[in-house]
Amino acid sequence: MRVIITGGSGLIGRALARNLSQEGAGAGHDVVVLTRDPDRVGTLPAGVRAARWDGRTSEGWVSLLDTDSAIVHLAGESVAAGRWTAEKKRRICDSRLVSGAAVMAAIRAAPVRPRVLIQSSAVGYYGDHGDEVLPEETPPGDGFLAVVCQEWEASTAEAESLGVRRAVARTGVVLAREGGALPVMSLPFKMMIGGPLGDGRQWFPWIHVDDEVGALRFLLEREDARGAFNLTAPRPVTNRELTRTLARALRRPGFLPVPGFALRLALGEFAESILESQRVIPSRLLAAGYVFRQPELAPALHDLLRRPPGARLSDDKKSPGP
């Protein structure tokens, strides 16, 4: 297949592109990363190419949908970078809805419609649920992120009526050495000031980057995978357990809590998303047969904190087939 990845220059997109193309010449998928400036996208994994896309229209890449193809739609403004000002919230929302509309315009105009569309979303869809276990059939929650996720998912729902198989990936916090949450979470511990956030009882829906990539590939290649799937480890932990486990992995103390009011003072409205409790489980992914490489937090952190930067998955860690 030709796999077209929007948002392919980000943490998840790069890891997925590397995995999809790494089987060797003639064996991997043909992977194309869409980016605003192909000349400045940086070094892409071997066998991956970049194509220009402004993020707002279908111009320039519709012709890529002229063969057996798939789209993985990951594009969207980061929710974790900076305070949630009115302008930041507008960019978070618009980047998802406008790019979703552009993806649909490309599908409608395509010479050959793609076989599958993987629509990115997040566990923020569910909102704050305390200790309640959250499978995929849980109704959407309230609040800014929950509404954004609902609209984000709806932006490409038309694909199904056009005969395109669509799977929605509601991703948790992706843990990776190369970027994302883990380096930010680790810094206070390395400075000897790490500890639980708020009361520490809120549930933390995490996933190892290898499983994020493996699950996305599983959804791409599994012909009966449709609808919403939670992309989180099957064993979520509380923030307090996360703190203890990360402190042990880093061999640092982790006993200095950060009060909720201090988080709200420092981060504004974004702090609420950190203090929300989401005990998300990947019910449909497990039922479909996906086997997690890293279901437990302690071994996952051990793997990530000792893995050389940029290390590739070994042959025995490739995504299981359908």
C-alpha atoms as a PDB file:
ATOM      1  CA  MET A   1       0.000   0.000   0.000  1.00  0.00           C
ATOM      2  CA  ARG A   2       0.903   3.637  -0.339  1.00  0.00           C
ATOM      3  CA  VAL A   3       0.405   5.095   3.143  1.00  0.00           C
ATOM      4  CA  ILE A   4      -0.052   8.871   3.317  1.00  0.00           C
ATOM      5  CA  ILE A   5       0.559  10.346   6.771  1.00  0.00           C
ATOM      6  CA  THR A   6      -0.635  13.828   7.716  1.00  0.00           C
ATOM      7  CA  GLY A   7       1.279  15.152  10.700  1.00  0.00           C
ATOM      8  CA  GLY A   8       3.976  12.705   9.689  1.00  0.00           C
ATOM      9  CA  SER A   9       6.866  14.865  10.877  1.00  0.00           C
ATOM     10  CA  GLY A  10       5.728  14.617  14.526  1.00  0.00           C
ATOM     11  CA  LEU A  11       6.732  12.052  17.141  1.00  0.00           C
ATOM     12  CA  ILE A  12       4.089   9.437  16.282  1.00  0.00           C
ATOM     13  CA  GLY A  13       4.175  10.112  12.537  1.00  0.00           C
ATOM     14  CA  ARG A  14       7.935   9.617  12.267  1.00  0.00           C
ATOM     15  CA  ALA A  15       7.866   6.432  14.332  1.00  0.00           C
ATOM     16  CA  LEU A  16       4.996   5.036  12.247  1.00  0.00           C
ATOM     17  CA  ALA A  17       6.645   6.012   8.960  1.00  0.00           C
ATOM     18  CA  ARG A  18       9.878   4.282  10.018  1.00  0.00           C
ATOM     19  CA  ASN A  19       8.033   1.117  10.990  1.00  0.00           C
ATOM     20  CA  LEU A  20       5.934   0.965   7.815  1.00  0.00           C
ATOM     21  CA  SER A  21       8.936   1.374   5.515  1.00  0.00           C
ATOM     22  CA  GLN A  22      11.626  -0.591   7.333  1.00  0.00           C
ATOM     23  CA  GLU A  23      11.120  -4.118   5.972  1.00  0.00           C
ATOM     24  CA  GLY A  24      13.588  -3.429   3.184  1.00  0.00           C
ATOM     25  CA  ALA A  25      13.484  -2.592  -0.497  1.00  0.00           C
ATOM     26  CA  GLY A  26      10.356  -3.905  -2.142  1.00  0.00           C
ATOM     27  CA  ALA A  27       8.853  -5.267   1.094  1.00  0.00           C
ATOM     28  CA  GLY A  28       7.653  -2.251   3.026  1.00  0.00           C
ATOM     29  CA  HIS A  29       4.809   0.105   2.266  1.00  0.00           C
ATOM     30  CA  ASP A  30       5.322   3.201   0.105  1.00  0.00           C
ATOM     31  CA  VAL A  31       5.186   5.929   2.784  1.00  0.00           C
ATOM     32  CA  VAL A  32       4.539   9.610   2.037  1.00  0.00           C
ATOM     33  CA  VAL A  33       4.626  12.275   4.750  1.00  0.00           C
ATOM     34  CA  LEU A  34       2.590  15.417   4.084  1.00  0.00           C
ATOM     35  CA  THR A  35       4.219  18.606   5.327  1.00  0.00           C
ATOM     36  CA  ARG A  36       4.000  22.355   4.763  1.00  0.00           C
ATOM     37  CA  ASP A  37       7.686  22.584   3.816  1.00  0.00           C
ATOM     38  CA  PRO A  38       9.323  19.378   2.510  1.00  0.00           C
ATOM     39  CA  ASP A  39      12.701  21.144   2.376  1.00  0.00           C
ATOM     40  CA  ARG A  40      12.655  21.795   6.120  1.00  0.00           C
ATOM     41  CA  VAL A  41      11.057  18.636   7.433  1.00  0.00           C
ATOM     42  CA  GLY A  42      14.448  17.269   8.516  1.00  0.00           C
ATOM     43  CA  THR A  43      15.791  13.776   8.094  1.00  0.00           C
ATOM     44  CA  LEU A  44      13.072  11.253   7.361  1.00  0.00           C
ATOM     45  CA  PRO A  45      13.450   7.500   7.835  1.00  0.00           C
ATOM     46  CA  ALA A  46      14.990   5.652   4.912  1.00  0.00           C
ATOM     47  CA  GLY A  47      12.446   4.958   2.196  1.00  0.00           C
ATOM     48  CA  VAL A  48      10.035   7.701   3.332  1.00  0.00           C
ATOM     49  CA  ARG A  49       9.391  10.740   1.131  1.00  0.00           C
ATOM     50  CA  ALA A  50       7.760  14.094   1.803  1.00  0.00           C
ATOM     51  CA  ALA A  51       5.078  15.891  -0.210  1.00  0.00           C
ATOM     52  CA  ARG A  52       3.889  19.466   0.174  1.00  0.00           C
ATOM     53  CA  TRP A  53       0.568  20.167   1.893  1.00  0.00           C
ATOM     54  CA  ASP A  54      -0.696  23.427   3.353  1.00  0.00           C
ATOM     55  CA  GLY A  55      -2.929  21.643   5.871  1.00  0.00           C
ATOM     56  CA  ARG A  56      -6.023  23.431   4.603  1.00  0.00           C
ATOM     57  CA  THR A  57      -6.785  22.143   1.091  1.00  0.00           C
ATOM     58  CA  SER A  58      -6.484  18.983  -0.972  1.00  0.00           C
ATOM     59  CA  GLU A  59      -4.242  20.662  -3.521  1.00  0.00           C
ATOM     60  CA  GLY A  60      -0.917  19.033  -4.271  1.00  0.00           C
ATOM     61  CA  TRP A  61      -1.552  15.538  -2.949  1.00  0.00           C
ATOM     62  CA  VAL A  62      -4.820  14.226  -4.422  1.00  0.00           C
ATOM     63  CA  SER A  63      -2.769  12.621  -7.191  1.00  0.00           C
ATOM     64  CA  LEU A  64      -1.082  10.421  -4.569  1.00  0.00           C
ATOM     65  CA  LEU A  65      -4.418   8.633  -4.175  1.00  0.00           C
ATOM     66  CA  ASP A  66      -4.084   6.999  -7.583  1.00  0.00           C
ATOM     67  CA  THR A  67      -3.289   3.496  -6.395  1.00  0.00           C
ATOM     68  CA  ASP A  68      -3.934   1.103  -3.521  1.00  0.00           C
ATOM     69  CA  SER A  69      -3.597   3.586  -0.669  1.00  0.00           C
ATOM     70  CA  ALA A  70      -4.366   4.477   2.933  1.00  0.00           C
ATOM     71  CA  ILE A  71      -4.431   7.727   4.909  1.00  0.00           C
ATOM     72  CA  VAL A  72      -3.300   8.099   8.516  1.00  0.00           C
ATOM     73  CA  HIS A  73      -4.577  11.495   9.633  1.00  0.00           C
ATOM     74  CA  LEU A  74      -2.505  12.687  12.609  1.00  0.00           C
ATOM     75  CA  ALA A  75      -2.309  16.427  11.901  1.00  0.00           C
ATOM     76  CA  GLY A  76      -3.253  18.852  14.669  1.00  0.00           C
ATOM     77  CA  GLU A  77      -1.826  21.598  16.880  1.00  0.00           C
ATOM     78  CA  SER A  78      -0.211  20.250  20.055  1.00  0.00           C
ATOM     79  CA  VAL A  79      -2.461  20.648  23.106  1.00  0.00           C
ATOM     80  CA  ALA A  80       0.474  20.429  25.534  1.00  0.00           C
ATOM     81  CA  ALA A  81       2.686  23.236  24.190  1.00  0.00           C
ATOM     82  CA  GLY A  82       1.909  26.508  25.967  1.00  0.00           C
ATOM     83  CA  ARG A  83      -0.988  27.953  27.963  1.00  0.00           C
ATOM     84  CA  TRP A  84      -4.495  27.646  26.608  1.00  0.00           C
ATOM     85  CA  THR A  85      -5.089  31.231  25.581  1.00  0.00           C
ATOM     86  CA  ALA A  86      -8.106  32.007  23.419  1.00  0.00           C
ATOM     87  CA  GLU A  87      -5.815  32.033  20.375  1.00  0.00           C
ATOM     88  CA  LYS A  88      -4.179  28.731  21.343  1.00  0.00           C
ATOM     89  CA  LYS A  89      -7.577  27.058  21.766  1.00  0.00           C
ATOM     90  CA  ARG A  90      -8.670  28.385  18.373  1.00  0.00           C
ATOM     91  CA  ARG A  91      -5.552  26.884  16.744  1.00  0.00           C
ATOM     92  CA  ILE A  92      -6.073  23.543  18.506  1.00  0.00           C
ATOM     93  CA  CYS A  93      -9.612  23.325  17.169  1.00  0.00           C
ATOM     94  CA  ASP A  94      -9.097  24.805  13.696  1.00  0.00           C
ATOM     95  CA  SER A  95      -6.004  22.723  12.922  1.00  0.00           C
ATOM     96  CA  ARG A  96      -8.055  19.570  13.394  1.00  0.00           C
ATOM     97  CA  LEU A  97     -11.301  20.578  11.730  1.00  0.00           C
ATOM     98  CA  VAL A  98      -9.766  22.361   8.750  1.00  0.00           C
ATOM     99  CA  SER A  99      -7.310  19.550   8.051  1.00  0.00           C
ATOM    100  CA  GLY A 100     -10.130  17.003   8.419  1.00  0.00           C
ATOM    101  CA  ALA A 101     -12.160  18.882   5.830  1.00  0.00           C
ATOM    102  CA  ALA A 102      -9.123  18.905   3.526  1.00  0.00           C
ATOM    103  CA  VAL A 103      -8.703  15.145   3.895  1.00  0.00           C
ATOM    104  CA  MET A 104     -12.334  14.625   2.966  1.00  0.00           C
ATOM    105  CA  ALA A 105     -11.974  16.925  -0.056  1.00  0.00           C
ATOM    106  CA  ALA A 106      -9.020  14.822  -1.209  1.00  0.00           C
ATOM    107  CA  ILE A 107     -10.952  11.576  -0.780  1.00  0.00           C
ATOM    108  CA  ARG A 108     -13.927  12.910  -2.755  1.00  0.00           C
ATOM    109  CA  ALA A 109     -11.631  14.086  -5.584  1.00  0.00           C
ATOM    110  CA  ALA A 110      -9.327  11.042  -5.580  1.00  0.00           C
ATOM    111  CA  PRO A 111      -8.752   9.093  -8.809  1.00  0.00           C
ATOM    112  CA  VAL A 112      -8.941   5.971  -6.642  1.00  0.00           C
ATOM    113  CA  ARG A 113     -10.418   6.250  -3.158  1.00  0.00           C
ATOM    114  CA  PRO A 114      -8.185   4.997  -0.346  1.00  0.00           C
ATOM    115  CA  ARG A 115      -8.746   1.591   1.158  1.00  0.00           C
ATOM    116  CA  VAL A 116      -8.729   2.900   4.723  1.00  0.00           C
ATOM    117  CA  LEU A 117      -8.595   6.114   6.734  1.00  0.00           C
ATOM    118  CA  ILE A 118      -7.150   6.096  10.248  1.00  0.00           C
ATOM    119  CA  GLN A 119      -8.521   9.154  12.051  1.00  0.00           C
ATOM    120  CA  SER A 120      -6.515  10.335  15.049  1.00  0.00           C
ATOM    121  CA  SER A 121      -8.296  11.317  18.255  1.00  0.00           C
ATOM    122  CA  ALA A 122      -7.506  11.222  21.976  1.00  0.00           C
ATOM    123  CA  VAL A 123      -8.781   9.877  25.264  1.00  0.00           C
ATOM    124  CA  GLY A 124      -9.701  13.463  26.105  1.00  0.00           C
ATOM    125  CA  TYR A 125     -12.933  12.480  24.321  1.00  0.00           C
ATOM    126  CA  TYR A 126     -14.186  10.950  27.596  1.00  0.00           C
ATOM    127  CA  GLY A 127     -13.542  13.829  29.984  1.00  0.00           C
ATOM    128  CA  ASP A 128     -13.096  13.331  33.739  1.00  0.00           C
ATOM    129  CA  HIS A 129     -14.570  10.057  35.078  1.00  0.00           C
ATOM    130  CA  GLY A 130     -12.845   9.389  38.388  1.00  0.00           C
ATOM    131  CA  ASP A 131     -12.365   5.636  38.969  1.00  0.00           C
ATOM    132  CA  GLU A 132     -14.875   4.540  36.291  1.00  0.00           C
ATOM    133  CA  VAL A 133     -13.464   2.128  33.711  1.00  0.00           C
ATOM    134  CA  LEU A 134     -13.770   3.612  30.205  1.00  0.00           C
ATOM    135  CA  PRO A 135     -14.145   1.267  27.201  1.00  0.00           C
ATOM    136  CA  GLU A 136     -14.879   2.644  23.735  1.00  0.00           C
ATOM    137  CA  GLU A 137     -18.666   2.691  24.129  1.00  0.00           C
ATOM    138  CA  THR A 138     -18.426   5.247  26.951  1.00  0.00           C
ATOM    139  CA  PRO A 139     -20.335   8.434  25.974  1.00  0.00           C
ATOM    140  CA  PRO A 140     -18.303  11.591  25.297  1.00  0.00           C
ATOM    141  CA  GLY A 141     -17.562  13.922  28.177  1.00  0.00           C
ATOM    142  CA  ASP A 142     -17.718  17.666  28.686  1.00  0.00           C
ATOM    143  CA  GLY A 143     -15.044  20.324  28.602  1.00  0.00           C
ATOM    144  CA  PHE A 144     -12.831  21.801  25.921  1.00  0.00           C
ATOM    145  CA  LEU A 145     -10.798  18.711  24.993  1.00  0.00           C
ATOM    146  CA  ALA A 146     -13.834  16.431  24.968  1.00  0.00           C
ATOM    147  CA  VAL A 147     -15.656  18.743  22.557  1.00  0.00           C
ATOM    148  CA  VAL A 148     -12.566  19.124  20.355  1.00  0.00           C
ATOM    149  CA  CYS A 149     -12.183  15.339  20.142  1.00  0.00           C
ATOM    150  CA  GLN A 150     -15.838  14.867  19.218  1.00  0.00           C
ATOM    151  CA  GLU A 151     -15.572  17.446  16.426  1.00  0.00           C
ATOM    152  CA  TRP A 152     -12.203  16.049  15.344  1.00  0.00           C
ATOM    153  CA  GLU A 153     -13.668  12.577  14.894  1.00  0.00           C
ATOM    154  CA  ALA A 154     -16.741  13.941  13.120  1.00  0.00           C
ATOM    155  CA  SER A 155     -14.614  15.890  10.616  1.00  0.00           C
ATOM    156  CA  THR A 156     -13.931  12.735   8.564  1.00  0.00           C
ATOM    157  CA  ALA A 157     -17.046  10.667   9.332  1.00  0.00           C
ATOM    158  CA  GLU A 158     -18.265  11.160   5.746  1.00  0.00           C
ATOM    159  CA  ALA A 159     -15.551   8.774   4.552  1.00  0.00           C
ATOM    160  CA  GLU A 160     -17.655   5.805   5.618  1.00  0.00           C
ATOM    161  CA  SER A 161     -20.555   6.813   3.344  1.00  0.00           C
ATOM    162  CA  LEU A 162     -18.034   7.026   0.478  1.00  0.00           C
ATOM    163  CA  GLY A 163     -17.061   3.389   0.970  1.00  0.00           C
ATOM    164  CA  VAL A 164     -13.788   4.023   2.818  1.00  0.00           C
ATOM    165  CA  ARG A 165     -13.122   1.902   5.883  1.00  0.00           C
ATOM    166  CA  ARG A 166     -12.467   4.232   8.820  1.00  0.00           C
ATOM    167  CA  ALA A 167     -10.957   3.497  12.226  1.00  0.00           C
ATOM    168  CA  VAL A 168     -10.660   6.150  14.939  1.00  0.00           C
ATOM    169  CA  ALA A 169      -7.588   5.957  17.193  1.00  0.00           C
ATOM    170  CA  ARG A 170      -8.291   7.482  20.624  1.00  0.00           C
ATOM    171  CA  THR A 171      -4.748   7.727  21.896  1.00  0.00           C
ATOM    172  CA  GLY A 172      -3.562   8.129  25.480  1.00  0.00           C
ATOM    173  CA  VAL A 173      -0.277   9.699  26.599  1.00  0.00           C
ATOM    174  CA  VAL A 174       2.429   8.292  24.318  1.00  0.00           C
ATOM    175  CA  LEU A 175       5.664   7.512  26.151  1.00  0.00           C
ATOM    176  CA  ALA A 176       8.776   7.782  24.006  1.00  0.00           C
ATOM    177  CA  ARG A 177      12.412   8.595  24.614  1.00  0.00           C
ATOM    178  CA  GLU A 178      12.673  10.915  21.614  1.00  0.00           C
ATOM    179  CA  GLY A 179      10.034  13.411  22.705  1.00  0.00           C
ATOM    180  CA  GLY A 180       6.483  13.888  23.902  1.00  0.00           C
ATOM    181  CA  ALA A 181       5.533  13.556  27.560  1.00  0.00           C
ATOM    182  CA  LEU A 182       8.300  11.356  28.988  1.00  0.00           C
ATOM    183  CA  PRO A 183      11.243  13.804  28.794  1.00  0.00           C
ATOM    184  CA  VAL A 184       9.046  16.543  30.295  1.00  0.00           C
ATOM    185  CA  MET A 185       7.803  14.233  33.059  1.00  0.00           C
ATOM    186  CA  SER A 186      11.342  13.052  33.837  1.00  0.00           C
ATOM    187  CA  LEU A 187      12.925  16.477  34.230  1.00  0.00           C
ATOM    188  CA  PRO A 188      11.608  17.313  37.742  1.00  0.00           C
ATOM    189  CA  PHE A 189      12.801  13.918  39.003  1.00  0.00           C
ATOM    190  CA  LYS A 190      16.277  14.495  37.581  1.00  0.00           C
ATOM    191  CA  MET A 191      16.283  17.819  39.452  1.00  0.00           C
ATOM    192  CA  MET A 192      15.232  15.997  42.656  1.00  0.00           C
ATOM    193  CA  ILE A 193      11.850  17.779  42.798  1.00  0.00           C
ATOM    194  CA  GLY A 194       9.553  15.137  41.260  1.00  0.00           C
ATOM    195  CA  GLY A 195       6.297  14.046  42.822  1.00  0.00           C
ATOM    196  CA  PRO A 196       2.576  13.383  42.308  1.00  0.00           C
ATOM    197  CA  LEU A 197       0.408  15.959  40.571  1.00  0.00           C
ATOM    198  CA  GLY A 198      -2.570  17.109  42.606  1.00  0.00           C
ATOM    199  CA  ASP A 199      -3.779  14.351  44.928  1.00  0.00           C
ATOM    200  CA  GLY A 200      -2.208  11.693  42.675  1.00  0.00           C
ATOM    201  CA  ARG A 201      -5.406   9.622  42.539  1.00  0.00           C
ATOM    202  CA  GLN A 202      -6.287  10.493  38.951  1.00  0.00           C
ATOM    203  CA  TRP A 203      -5.852   7.688  36.400  1.00  0.00           C
ATOM    204  CA  PHE A 204      -3.165   8.065  33.747  1.00  0.00           C
ATOM    205  CA  PRO A 205      -3.931   6.443  30.340  1.00  0.00           C
ATOM    206  CA  TRP A 206      -0.485   5.747  28.852  1.00  0.00           C
ATOM    207  CA  ILE A 207       0.931   3.774  25.915  1.00  0.00           C
ATOM    208  CA  HIS A 208       4.488   2.867  24.887  1.00  0.00           C
ATOM    209  CA  VAL A 209       5.424   4.333  21.498  1.00  0.00           C
ATOM    210  CA  ASP A 210       6.055   0.839  20.103  1.00  0.00           C
ATOM    211  CA  ASP A 211       2.467  -0.120  20.922  1.00  0.00           C
ATOM    212  CA  GLU A 212       1.132   3.160  19.522  1.00  0.00           C
ATOM    213  CA  VAL A 213       2.855   2.351  16.249  1.00  0.00           C
ATOM    214  CA  GLY A 214       1.952  -1.333  16.416  1.00  0.00           C
ATOM    215  CA  ALA A 215      -1.718  -0.572  17.072  1.00  0.00           C
ATOM    216  CA  LEU A 216      -1.915   1.992  14.264  1.00  0.00           C
ATOM    217  CA  ARG A 217      -0.392  -0.516  11.875  1.00  0.00           C
ATOM    218  CA  PHE A 218      -2.759  -3.201  13.127  1.00  0.00           C
ATOM    219  CA  LEU A 219      -5.736  -0.923  12.363  1.00  0.00           C
ATOM    220  CA  LEU A 220      -4.299  -0.145   8.939  1.00  0.00           C
ATOM    221  CA  GLU A 221      -3.911  -3.762   7.940  1.00  0.00           C
ATOM    222  CA  ARG A 222      -6.859  -5.399   9.699  1.00  0.00           C
ATOM    223  CA  GLU A 223      -9.662  -5.343   7.150  1.00  0.00           C
ATOM    224  CA  ASP A 224     -12.480  -5.582   9.710  1.00  0.00           C
ATOM    225  CA  ALA A 225     -11.206  -2.783  11.992  1.00  0.00           C
ATOM    226  CA  ARG A 226     -13.858  -0.053  11.964  1.00  0.00           C
ATOM    227  CA  GLY A 227     -15.032   2.533  14.467  1.00  0.00           C
ATOM    228  CA  ALA A 228     -13.349   3.780  17.645  1.00  0.00           C
ATOM    229  CA  PHE A 229     -10.400   2.067  19.317  1.00  0.00           C
ATOM    230  CA  ASN A 230      -8.678   3.139  22.535  1.00  0.00           C
ATOM    231  CA  LEU A 231      -4.915   3.175  22.010  1.00  0.00           C
ATOM    232  CA  THR A 232      -3.806   2.847  25.629  1.00  0.00           C
ATOM    233  CA  ALA A 233      -1.970   0.187  27.594  1.00  0.00           C
ATOM    234  CA  PRO A 234      -4.334  -2.433  29.064  1.00  0.00           C
ATOM    235  CA  ARG A 235      -3.141  -1.606  32.594  1.00  0.00           C
ATOM    236  CA  PRO A 236      -3.593   2.114  33.335  1.00  0.00           C
ATOM    237  CA  VAL A 237      -2.032   3.500  36.506  1.00  0.00           C
ATOM    238  CA  THR A 238      -2.815   6.336  38.869  1.00  0.00           C
ATOM    239  CA  ASN A 239      -0.637   9.420  38.854  1.00  0.00           C
ATOM    240  CA  ARG A 240       0.731   8.375  42.241  1.00  0.00           C
ATOM    241  CA  GLU A 241       1.740   4.954  40.885  1.00  0.00           C
ATOM    242  CA  LEU A 242       3.237   6.619  37.826  1.00  0.00           C
ATOM    243  CA  THR A 243       5.312   8.852  40.114  1.00  0.00           C
ATOM    244  CA  ARG A 244       6.639   5.931  42.158  1.00  0.00           C
ATOM    245  CA  THR A 245       7.457   3.868  39.069  1.00  0.00           C
ATOM    246  CA  LEU A 246       9.184   6.710  37.224  1.00  0.00           C
ATOM    247  CA  ALA A 247      11.181   7.663  40.331  1.00  0.00           C
ATOM    248  CA  ARG A 248      12.421   4.070  40.679  1.00  0.00           C
ATOM    249  CA  ALA A 249      13.296   3.867  36.972  1.00  0.00           C
ATOM    250  CA  LEU A 250      15.304   7.097  37.192  1.00  0.00           C
ATOM    251  CA  ARG A 251      16.753   6.207  40.623  1.00  0.00           C
ATOM    252  CA  ARG A 252      15.560   9.541  41.966  1.00  0.00           C
ATOM    253  CA  PRO A 253      13.235  10.566  44.813  1.00  0.00           C
ATOM    254  CA  GLY A 254       9.596  11.292  43.967  1.00  0.00           C
ATOM    255  CA  PHE A 255       7.987  12.545  47.138  1.00  0.00           C
ATOM    256  CA  LEU A 256       7.380  16.268  46.456  1.00  0.00           C
ATOM    257  CA  PRO A 257       3.719  16.682  45.398  1.00  0.00           C
ATOM    258  CA  VAL A 258       2.610  19.527  43.152  1.00  0.00           C
ATOM    259  CA  PRO A 259      -0.708  20.897  44.502  1.00  0.00           C
ATOM    260  CA  GLY A 260      -3.570  21.321  42.076  1.00  0.00           C
ATOM    261  CA  PHE A 261      -3.770  25.061  42.747  1.00  0.00           C
ATOM    262  CA  ALA A 262      -0.091  25.460  41.809  1.00  0.00           C
ATOM    263  CA  LEU A 263      -0.673  23.643  38.522  1.00  0.00           C
ATOM    264  CA  ARG A 264      -3.661  25.849  37.753  1.00  0.00           C
ATOM    265  CA  LEU A 265      -1.623  28.954  38.567  1.00  0.00           C
ATOM    266  CA  ALA A 266       1.261  27.860  36.339  1.00  0.00           C
ATOM    267  CA  LEU A 267      -0.645  26.304  33.440  1.00  0.00           C
ATOM    268  CA  GLY A 268      -4.087  27.910  33.495  1.00  0.00           C
ATOM    269  CA  GLU A 269      -6.920  25.908  31.939  1.00  0.00           C
ATOM    270  CA  PHE A 270      -4.503  23.290  30.573  1.00  0.00           C
ATOM    271  CA  ALA A 271      -3.932  22.124  34.162  1.00  0.00           C
ATOM    272  CA  GLU A 272      -7.465  20.665  34.223  1.00  0.00           C
ATOM    273  CA  SER A 273      -6.526  18.145  31.527  1.00  0.00           C
ATOM    274  CA  ILE A 274      -3.585  16.995  33.680  1.00  0.00           C
ATOM    275  CA  LEU A 275      -5.759  16.598  36.773  1.00  0.00           C
ATOM    276  CA  GLU A 276      -8.588  14.764  34.982  1.00  0.00           C
ATOM    277  CA  SER A 277      -8.948  11.054  35.721  1.00  0.00           C
ATOM    278  CA  GLN A 278      -9.385   8.698  32.757  1.00  0.00           C
ATOM    279  CA  ARG A 279      -9.208   4.970  33.454  1.00  0.00           C
ATOM    280  CA  VAL A 280      -9.252   4.024  29.789  1.00  0.00           C
ATOM    281  CA  ILE A 281      -8.924   0.415  28.616  1.00  0.00           C
ATOM    282  CA  PRO A 282      -8.369  -0.815  25.019  1.00  0.00           C
ATOM    283  CA  SER A 283     -11.305  -3.229  24.954  1.00  0.00           C
ATOM    284  CA  ARG A 284     -11.868  -3.340  21.192  1.00  0.00           C
ATOM    285  CA  LEU A 285      -8.165  -3.520  20.349  1.00  0.00           C
ATOM    286  CA  LEU A 286      -7.706  -6.529  22.639  1.00  0.00           C
ATOM    287  CA  ALA A 287     -10.874  -8.170  21.319  1.00  0.00           C
ATOM    288  CA  ALA A 288      -9.587  -7.761  17.754  1.00  0.00           C
ATOM    289  CA  GLY A 289      -6.442  -9.688  18.670  1.00  0.00           C
ATOM    290  CA  TYR A 290      -3.779  -7.037  19.139  1.00  0.00           C
ATOM    291  CA  VAL A 291      -1.003  -8.249  21.466  1.00  0.00           C
ATOM    292  CA  PHE A 292       0.688  -5.509  23.482  1.00  0.00           C
ATOM    293  CA  ARG A 293       4.469  -5.485  23.630  1.00  0.00           C
ATOM    294  CA  GLN A 294       4.540  -3.319  26.746  1.00  0.00           C
ATOM    295  CA  PRO A 295       1.360  -3.790  28.833  1.00  0.00           C
ATOM    296  CA  GLU A 296       3.049  -2.921  32.174  1.00  0.00           C
ATOM    297  CA  LEU A 297       4.442   0.508  33.069  1.00  0.00           C
ATOM    298  CA  ALA A 298       7.632  -0.516  34.891  1.00  0.00           C
ATOM    299  CA  PRO A 299       9.077  -2.637  32.035  1.00  0.00           C
ATOM    300  CA  ALA A 300       7.936   0.006  29.525  1.00  0.00           C
ATOM    301  CA  LEU A 301       9.848   2.756  31.349  1.00  0.00           C
ATOM    302  CA  HIS A 302      12.869   0.486  31.756  1.00  0.00           C
ATOM    303  CA  ASP A 303      12.862  -0.117  27.990  1.00  0.00           C
ATOM    304  CA  LEU A 304      12.494   3.559  27.082  1.00  0.00           C
ATOM    305  CA  LEU A 305      14.974   5.002  29.549  1.00  0.00           C
ATOM    306  CA  ARG A 306      17.659   2.547  28.477  1.00  0.00           C
ATOM    307  CA  ARG A 307      16.941   2.437  24.746  1.00  0.00           C
ATOM    308  CA  PRO A 308      19.466   4.250  22.534  1.00  0.00           C
ATOM    309  CA  PRO A 309      17.895   7.342  20.890  1.00  0.00           C
ATOM    310  CA  GLY A 310      16.331   6.510  17.512  1.00  0.00           C
ATOM    311  CA  ALA A 311      16.589   2.739  18.003  1.00  0.00           C
ATOM    312  CA  ARG A 312      14.413   0.776  15.602  1.00  0.00           C
ATOM    313  CA  LEU A 313      12.076  -2.056  16.453  1.00  0.00           C
ATOM    314  CA  SER A 314      13.775  -5.418  16.138  1.00  0.00           C
ATOM    315  CA  ASP A 315      12.284  -7.997  13.822  1.00  0.00           C
ATOM    316  CA  ASP A 316      10.598  -9.773  16.719  1.00  0.00           C
ATOM    317  CA  LYS A 317       8.799  -6.596  17.733  1.00  0.00           C
ATOM    318  CA  LYS A 318       6.961  -5.891  14.513  1.00  0.00           C
ATOM    319  CA  SER A 319       3.233  -5.477  14.672  1.00  0.00           C
ATOM    320  CA  PRO A 320       1.280  -8.736  14.851  1.00  0.00           C
ATOM    321  CA  GLY A 321      -0.817  -9.431  11.803  1.00  0.00           C
ATOM    322  CA  PRO A 322      -4.608  -9.647  11.702  1.00  0.00           C
END
